[in-house]
Every structure is written in C-alpha cells, then in structure tokens.
Amino acid sequence: MDKFNAMKSFLVMGDLINNEKTSLKDRVKYKERIVFATMRSMIPQWEPPSDWSTITDEQKLERLTKIETQI
C-alpha cells in the first residue's frame, strides 16, 4: 500500500501547488499522470477507462478526485 500513500501525497502536493490560476486542463493532466502511473505500476496491463478520451475535463477531474478520496 506504500504506492497508494505516495500517490496521495503527490496529489495533495499538486493541490497545494495548483491553484485557481492553474487551468482545469493542467490540473487534470497532473492528477491523471500520478493516478495512471500508480495504477500501471501496480497492474502492468492496466489501461485507462475506455471512455477517457471522450469525456470532459470536468468529468475527468471528478473521477480523479473520487479516486483520491477513496484511498
């Protein structure tokens, strides 16, 4: 579970660094990079959700935030 703790720490740091001036797209990219890298390190054959490229950044941020709160 160390990887989840590291992921959560990086996500919290990102929230502290990224503020209201940071674009939604940039906040999503940061969280996506951290969450997806963690998932791939734990499950090598893991792939992003099939609809990931078609949903809005708002929906992506909502999903990523939900993952963050569940861990």
PDB file of N, CA and C in Angstrom:
ATOM      1  N   MET A   1       0.810  -1.204   0.000  1.00  0.00           N
ATOM      2  CA  MET A   1       0.000   0.000   0.000  1.00  0.00           C
ATOM      3  C   MET A   1       0.858   1.275   0.000  1.00  0.00           C
ATOM      4  N   ASP A   2       2.167   1.149   0.027  1.00  0.00           N
ATOM      5  CA  ASP A   2       3.041   2.317   0.000  1.00  0.00           C
ATOM      6  C   ASP A   2       2.826   3.160  -1.253  1.00  0.00           C
ATOM      7  N   LYS A   3       2.523   2.500  -2.362  1.00  0.00           N
ATOM      8  CA  LYS A   3       2.321   3.234  -3.613  1.00  0.00           C
ATOM      9  C   LYS A   3       1.095   4.130  -3.522  1.00  0.00           C
ATOM     10  N   PHE A   4       0.051   3.656  -2.865  1.00  0.00           N
ATOM     11  CA  PHE A   4      -1.142   4.483  -2.707  1.00  0.00           C
ATOM     12  C   PHE A   4      -0.851   5.685  -1.815  1.00  0.00           C
ATOM     13  N   ASN A   5      -0.064   5.481  -0.771  1.00  0.00           N
ATOM     14  CA  ASN A   5       0.294   6.597   0.103  1.00  0.00           C
ATOM     15  C   ASN A   5       1.129   7.626  -0.649  1.00  0.00           C
ATOM     16  N   ALA A   6       2.055   7.155  -1.465  1.00  0.00           N
ATOM     17  CA  ALA A   6       2.871   8.070  -2.265  1.00  0.00           C
ATOM     18  C   ALA A   6       1.992   8.824  -3.259  1.00  0.00           C
ATOM     19  N   MET A   7       1.060   8.110  -3.888  1.00  0.00           N
ATOM     20  CA  MET A   7       0.153   8.740  -4.835  1.00  0.00           C
ATOM     21  C   MET A   7      -0.644   9.842  -4.150  1.00  0.00           C
ATOM     22  N   LYS A   8      -1.182   9.524  -3.000  1.00  0.00           N
ATOM     23  CA  LYS A   8      -1.997  10.502  -2.270  1.00  0.00           C
ATOM     24  C   LYS A   8      -1.154  11.724  -1.893  1.00  0.00           C
ATOM     25  N   SER A   9       0.089  11.504  -1.474  1.00  0.00           N
ATOM     26  CA  SER A   9       0.977  12.610  -1.118  1.00  0.00           C
ATOM     27  C   SER A   9       1.237  13.519  -2.316  1.00  0.00           C
ATOM     28  N   PHE A  10       1.509  12.920  -3.474  1.00  0.00           N
ATOM     29  CA  PHE A  10       1.747  13.716  -4.672  1.00  0.00           C
ATOM     30  C   PHE A  10       0.489  14.474  -5.100  1.00  0.00           C
ATOM     31  N   LEU A  11      -0.666  13.853  -4.940  1.00  0.00           N
ATOM     32  CA  LEU A  11      -1.911  14.533  -5.294  1.00  0.00           C
ATOM     33  C   LEU A  11      -2.176  15.718  -4.368  1.00  0.00           C
ATOM     34  N   VAL A  12      -1.886  15.542  -3.077  1.00  0.00           N
ATOM     35  CA  VAL A  12      -2.061  16.646  -2.121  1.00  0.00           C
ATOM     36  C   VAL A  12      -1.090  17.777  -2.447  1.00  0.00           C
ATOM     37  N   MET A  13       0.162  17.426  -2.748  1.00  0.00           N
ATOM     38  CA  MET A  13       1.140  18.458  -3.114  1.00  0.00           C
ATOM     39  C   MET A  13       0.678  19.201  -4.364  1.00  0.00           C
ATOM     40  N   GLY A  14       0.152  18.467  -5.320  1.00  0.00           N
ATOM     41  CA  GLY A  14      -0.355  19.093  -6.537  1.00  0.00           C
ATOM     42  C   GLY A  14      -1.485  20.056  -6.251  1.00  0.00           C
ATOM     43  N   ASP A  15      -2.369  19.677  -5.339  1.00  0.00           N
ATOM     44  CA  ASP A  15      -3.472  20.567  -4.962  1.00  0.00           C
ATOM     45  C   ASP A  15      -2.941  21.844  -4.310  1.00  0.00           C
ATOM     46  N   LEU A  16      -1.868  21.718  -3.542  1.00  0.00           N
ATOM     47  CA  LEU A  16      -1.288  22.891  -2.890  1.00  0.00           C
ATOM     48  C   LEU A  16      -0.603  23.812  -3.901  1.00  0.00           C
ATOM     49  N   ILE A  17       0.043  23.201  -4.880  1.00  0.00           N
ATOM     50  CA  ILE A  17       0.779  23.976  -5.888  1.00  0.00           C
ATOM     51  C   ILE A  17      -0.172  24.559  -6.928  1.00  0.00           C
ATOM     52  N   ASN A  18      -1.093  23.745  -7.395  1.00  0.00           N
ATOM     53  CA  ASN A  18      -2.038  24.183  -8.414  1.00  0.00           C
ATOM     54  C   ASN A  18      -3.176  24.925  -7.738  1.00  0.00           C
ATOM     55  N   ASN A  19      -3.348  26.159  -8.114  1.00  0.00           N
ATOM     56  CA  ASN A  19      -4.398  26.965  -7.504  1.00  0.00           C
ATOM     57  C   ASN A  19      -5.445  27.344  -8.542  1.00  0.00           C
ATOM     58  N   GLU A  20      -6.262  28.305  -8.204  1.00  0.00           N
ATOM     59  CA  GLU A  20      -7.330  28.726  -9.090  1.00  0.00           C
ATOM     60  C   GLU A  20      -6.802  29.266 -10.419  1.00  0.00           C
ATOM     61  N   LYS A  21      -5.572  29.736 -10.430  1.00  0.00           N
ATOM     62  CA  LYS A  21      -4.978  30.275 -11.659  1.00  0.00           C
ATOM     63  C   LYS A  21      -4.548  29.165 -12.609  1.00  0.00           C
ATOM     64  N   THR A  22      -4.386  27.962 -12.087  1.00  0.00           N
ATOM     65  CA  THR A  22      -3.996  26.826 -12.910  1.00  0.00           C
ATOM     66  C   THR A  22      -5.213  26.374 -13.704  1.00  0.00           C
ATOM     67  N   SER A  23      -5.030  26.146 -14.973  1.00  0.00           N
ATOM     68  CA  SER A  23      -6.164  25.757 -15.812  1.00  0.00           C
ATOM     69  C   SER A  23      -6.682  24.378 -15.421  1.00  0.00           C
ATOM     70  N   LEU A  24      -7.934  24.163 -15.696  1.00  0.00           N
ATOM     71  CA  LEU A  24      -8.562  22.875 -15.421  1.00  0.00           C
ATOM     72  C   LEU A  24      -7.812  21.763 -16.147  1.00  0.00           C
ATOM     73  N   LYS A  25      -7.454  22.020 -17.384  1.00  0.00           N
ATOM     74  CA  LYS A  25      -6.741  21.028 -18.191  1.00  0.00           C
ATOM     75  C   LYS A  25      -5.416  20.634 -17.530  1.00  0.00           C
ATOM     76  N   ASP A  26      -4.692  21.609 -17.000  1.00  0.00           N
ATOM     77  CA  ASP A  26      -3.413  21.324 -16.345  1.00  0.00           C
ATOM     78  C   ASP A  26      -3.603  20.553 -15.040  1.00  0.00           C
ATOM     79  N   ARG A  27      -4.642  20.893 -14.271  1.00  0.00           N
ATOM     80  CA  ARG A  27      -4.918  20.152 -13.035  1.00  0.00           C
ATOM     81  C   ARG A  27      -5.268  18.702 -13.341  1.00  0.00           C
ATOM     82  N   VAL A  28      -6.074  18.493 -14.387  1.00  0.00           N
ATOM     83  CA  VAL A  28      -6.446  17.129 -14.784  1.00  0.00           C
ATOM     84  C   VAL A  28      -5.211  16.365 -15.232  1.00  0.00           C
ATOM     85  N   LYS A  29      -4.382  16.984 -16.053  1.00  0.00           N
ATOM     86  CA  LYS A  29      -3.163  16.312 -16.551  1.00  0.00           C
ATOM     87  C   LYS A  29      -2.262  15.881 -15.395  1.00  0.00           C
ATOM     88  N   TYR A  30      -2.112  16.741 -14.393  1.00  0.00           N
ATOM     89  CA  TYR A  30      -1.265  16.407 -13.244  1.00  0.00           C
ATOM     90  C   TYR A  30      -1.823  15.200 -12.500  1.00  0.00           C
ATOM     91  N   LYS A  31      -3.099  15.254 -12.142  1.00  0.00           N
ATOM     92  CA  LYS A  31      -3.717  14.146 -11.404  1.00  0.00           C
ATOM     93  C   LYS A  31      -3.715  12.869 -12.230  1.00  0.00           C
ATOM     94  N   GLU A  32      -4.006  13.010 -13.517  1.00  0.00           N
ATOM     95  CA  GLU A  32      -4.027  11.853 -14.415  1.00  0.00           C
ATOM     96  C   GLU A  32      -2.662  11.173 -14.446  1.00  0.00           C
ATOM     97  N   ARG A  33      -1.617  11.978 -14.568  1.00  0.00           N
ATOM     98  CA  ARG A  33      -0.263  11.421 -14.632  1.00  0.00           C
ATOM     99  C   ARG A  33       0.065  10.629 -13.367  1.00  0.00           C
ATOM    100  N   ILE A  34      -0.286  11.153 -12.207  1.00  0.00           N
ATOM    101  CA  ILE A  34       0.013  10.488 -10.941  1.00  0.00           C
ATOM    102  C   ILE A  34      -0.823   9.219 -10.776  1.00  0.00           C
ATOM    103  N   VAL A  35      -2.130   9.321 -10.973  1.00  0.00           N
ATOM    104  CA  VAL A  35      -3.025   8.169 -10.775  1.00  0.00           C
ATOM    105  C   VAL A  35      -2.730   7.071 -11.787  1.00  0.00           C
ATOM    106  N   PHE A  36      -2.591   7.423 -13.048  1.00  0.00           N
ATOM    107  CA  PHE A  36      -2.365   6.411 -14.079  1.00  0.00           C
ATOM    108  C   PHE A  36      -1.015   5.721 -13.894  1.00  0.00           C
ATOM    109  N   ALA A  37       0.014   6.477 -13.519  1.00  0.00           N
ATOM    110  CA  ALA A  37       1.330   5.868 -13.289  1.00  0.00           C
ATOM    111  C   ALA A  37       1.269   4.896 -12.112  1.00  0.00           C
ATOM    112  N   THR A  38       0.544   5.257 -11.077  1.00  0.00           N
ATOM    113  CA  THR A  38       0.402   4.369  -9.916  1.00  0.00           C
ATOM    114  C   THR A  38      -0.319   3.093 -10.313  1.00  0.00           C
ATOM    115  N   MET A  39      -1.391   3.223 -11.057  1.00  0.00           N
ATOM    116  CA  MET A  39      -2.149   2.046 -11.471  1.00  0.00           C
ATOM    117  C   MET A  39      -1.295   1.121 -12.354  1.00  0.00           C
ATOM    118  N   ARG A  40      -0.544   1.719 -13.288  1.00  0.00           N
ATOM    119  CA  ARG A  40       0.307   0.906 -14.178  1.00  0.00           C
ATOM    120  C   ARG A  40       1.429   0.212 -13.400  1.00  0.00           C
ATOM    121  N   SER A  41       1.917   0.853 -12.354  1.00  0.00           N
ATOM    122  CA  SER A  41       2.988   0.224 -11.586  1.00  0.00           C
ATOM    123  C   SER A  41       2.471  -0.954 -10.772  1.00  0.00           C
ATOM    124  N   MET A  42       1.201  -0.895 -10.406  1.00  0.00           N
ATOM    125  CA  MET A  42       0.622  -1.973  -9.614  1.00  0.00           C
ATOM    126  C   MET A  42       0.030  -3.072 -10.493  1.00  0.00           C
ATOM    127  N   ILE A  43      -0.497  -2.693 -11.642  1.00  0.00           N
ATOM    128  CA  ILE A  43      -1.121  -3.643 -12.579  1.00  0.00           C
ATOM    129  C   ILE A  43      -0.571  -3.311 -13.960  1.00  0.00           C
ATOM    130  N   PRO A  44       0.498  -3.970 -14.389  1.00  0.00           N
ATOM    131  CA  PRO A  44       1.159  -3.624 -15.654  1.00  0.00           C
ATOM    132  C   PRO A  44       0.229  -3.587 -16.877  1.00  0.00           C
ATOM    133  N   GLN A  45      -0.778  -4.418 -16.920  1.00  0.00           N
ATOM    134  CA  GLN A  45      -1.682  -4.432 -18.073  1.00  0.00           C
ATOM    135  C   GLN A  45      -2.852  -3.457 -17.923  1.00  0.00           C
ATOM    136  N   TRP A  46      -2.840  -2.635 -16.862  1.00  0.00           N
ATOM    137  CA  TRP A  46      -3.914  -1.673 -16.623  1.00  0.00           C
ATOM    138  C   TRP A  46      -3.984  -0.666 -17.758  1.00  0.00           C
ATOM    139  N   GLU A  47      -5.204  -0.278 -18.113  1.00  0.00           N
ATOM    140  CA  GLU A  47      -5.434   0.738 -19.132  1.00  0.00           C
ATOM    141  C   GLU A  47      -6.448   1.745 -18.607  1.00  0.00           C
ATOM    142  N   PRO A  48      -6.366   2.973 -19.095  1.00  0.00           N
ATOM    143  CA  PRO A  48      -7.344   3.984 -18.676  1.00  0.00           C
ATOM    144  C   PRO A  48      -8.759   3.544 -19.061  1.00  0.00           C
ATOM    145  N   PRO A  49      -9.758   4.118 -18.430  1.00  0.00           N
ATOM    146  CA  PRO A  49     -11.135   3.779 -18.787  1.00  0.00           C
ATOM    147  C   PRO A  49     -11.370   3.988 -20.286  1.00  0.00           C
ATOM    148  N   SER A  50     -12.199   3.163 -20.864  1.00  0.00           N
ATOM    149  CA  SER A  50     -12.410   3.199 -22.315  1.00  0.00           C
ATOM    150  C   SER A  50     -13.001   4.519 -22.802  1.00  0.00           C
ATOM    151  N   ASP A  51     -13.707   5.232 -21.959  1.00  0.00           N
ATOM    152  CA  ASP A  51     -14.311   6.496 -22.380  1.00  0.00           C
ATOM    153  C   ASP A  51     -13.460   7.717 -22.021  1.00  0.00           C
ATOM    154  N   TRP A  52     -12.258   7.507 -21.531  1.00  0.00           N
ATOM    155  CA  TRP A  52     -11.438   8.593 -21.009  1.00  0.00           C
ATOM    156  C   TRP A  52     -11.207   9.697 -22.044  1.00  0.00           C
ATOM    157  N   SER A  53     -10.972   9.343 -23.273  1.00  0.00           N
ATOM    158  CA  SER A  53     -10.668  10.355 -24.289  1.00  0.00           C
ATOM    159  C   SER A  53     -11.909  11.111 -24.770  1.00  0.00           C
ATOM    160  N   THR A  54     -13.082  10.655 -24.386  1.00  0.00           N
ATOM    161  CA  THR A  54     -14.308  11.295 -24.868  1.00  0.00           C
ATOM    162  C   THR A  54     -15.020  12.133 -23.809  1.00  0.00           C
ATOM    163  N   ILE A  55     -14.627  12.009 -22.557  1.00  0.00           N
ATOM    164  CA  ILE A  55     -15.318  12.771 -21.511  1.00  0.00           C
ATOM    165  C   ILE A  55     -14.645  14.131 -21.326  1.00  0.00           C
ATOM    166  N   THR A  56     -15.359  15.039 -20.691  1.00  0.00           N
ATOM    167  CA  THR A  56     -14.844  16.395 -20.490  1.00  0.00           C
ATOM    168  C   THR A  56     -13.797  16.424 -19.372  1.00  0.00           C
ATOM    169  N   ASP A  57     -13.041  17.500 -19.335  1.00  0.00           N
ATOM    170  CA  ASP A  57     -12.056  17.661 -18.260  1.00  0.00           C
ATOM    171  C   ASP A  57     -12.745  17.738 -16.900  1.00  0.00           C
ATOM    172  N   GLU A  58     -13.926  18.308 -16.851  1.00  0.00           N
ATOM    173  CA  GLU A  58     -14.680  18.364 -15.598  1.00  0.00           C
ATOM    174  C   GLU A  58     -15.004  16.961 -15.098  1.00  0.00           C
ATOM    175  N   GLN A  59     -15.428  16.096 -16.018  1.00  0.00           N
ATOM    176  CA  GLN A  59     -15.741  14.715 -15.652  1.00  0.00           C
ATOM    177  C   GLN A  59     -14.481  13.961 -15.237  1.00  0.00           C
ATOM    178  N   LYS A  60     -13.391  14.209 -15.945  1.00  0.00           N
ATOM    179  CA  LYS A  60     -12.123  13.566 -15.590  1.00  0.00           C
ATOM    180  C   LYS A  60     -11.692  13.977 -14.187  1.00  0.00           C
ATOM    181  N   LEU A  61     -11.755  15.288 -13.906  1.00  0.00           N
ATOM    182  CA  LEU A  61     -11.354  15.775 -12.587  1.00  0.00           C
ATOM    183  C   LEU A  61     -12.240  15.176 -11.501  1.00  0.00           C
ATOM    184  N   GLU A  62     -13.523  15.070 -11.784  1.00  0.00           N
ATOM    185  CA  GLU A  62     -14.442  14.474 -10.820  1.00  0.00           C
ATOM    186  C   GLU A  62     -14.057  13.026 -10.515  1.00  0.00           C
ATOM    187  N   ARG A  63     -13.762  12.260 -11.544  1.00  0.00           N
ATOM    188  CA  ARG A  63     -13.366  10.858 -11.346  1.00  0.00           C
ATOM    189  C   ARG A  63     -12.038  10.755 -10.595  1.00  0.00           C
ATOM    190  N   LEU A  64     -11.075  11.567 -10.994  1.00  0.00           N
ATOM    191  CA  LEU A  64      -9.767  11.519 -10.331  1.00  0.00           C
ATOM    192  C   LEU A  64      -9.870  11.932  -8.869  1.00  0.00           C
ATOM    193  N   THR A  65     -10.689  12.917  -8.587  1.00  0.00           N
ATOM    194  CA  THR A  65     -10.889  13.355  -7.204  1.00  0.00           C
ATOM    195  C   THR A  65     -11.586  12.262  -6.403  1.00  0.00           C
ATOM    196  N   LYS A  66     -12.505  11.570  -7.012  1.00  0.00           N
ATOM    197  CA  LYS A  66     -13.197  10.474  -6.340  1.00  0.00           C
ATOM    198  C   LYS A  66     -12.203   9.370  -5.964  1.00  0.00           C
ATOM    199  N   ILE A  67     -11.304   9.048  -6.871  1.00  0.00           N
ATOM    200  CA  ILE A  67     -10.268   8.051  -6.586  1.00  0.00           C
ATOM    201  C   ILE A  67      -9.424   8.517  -5.400  1.00  0.00           C
ATOM    202  N   GLU A  68      -9.056   9.779  -5.420  1.00  0.00           N
ATOM    203  CA  GLU A  68      -8.227  10.346  -4.355  1.00  0.00           C
ATOM    204  C   GLU A  68      -8.911  10.236  -2.996  1.00  0.00           C
ATOM    205  N   THR A  69     -10.195  10.475  -2.948  1.00  0.00           N
ATOM    206  CA  THR A  69     -10.901  10.419  -1.674  1.00  0.00           C
ATOM    207  C   THR A  69     -11.173   8.991  -1.217  1.00  0.00           C
ATOM    208  N   GLN A  70     -11.159   8.046  -2.126  1.00  0.00           N
ATOM    209  CA  GLN A  70     -11.414   6.649  -1.781  1.00  0.00           C
ATOM    210  C   GLN A  70     -10.183   5.957  -1.204  1.00  0.00           C
ATOM    211  N   ILE A  71      -9.028   6.536  -1.412  1.00  0.00           N
ATOM    212  CA  ILE A  71      -7.777   5.899  -0.958  1.00  0.00           C
ATOM    213  C   ILE A  71      -7.395   6.407   0.409  1.00  0.00           C
TER     214      ILE A  71
END
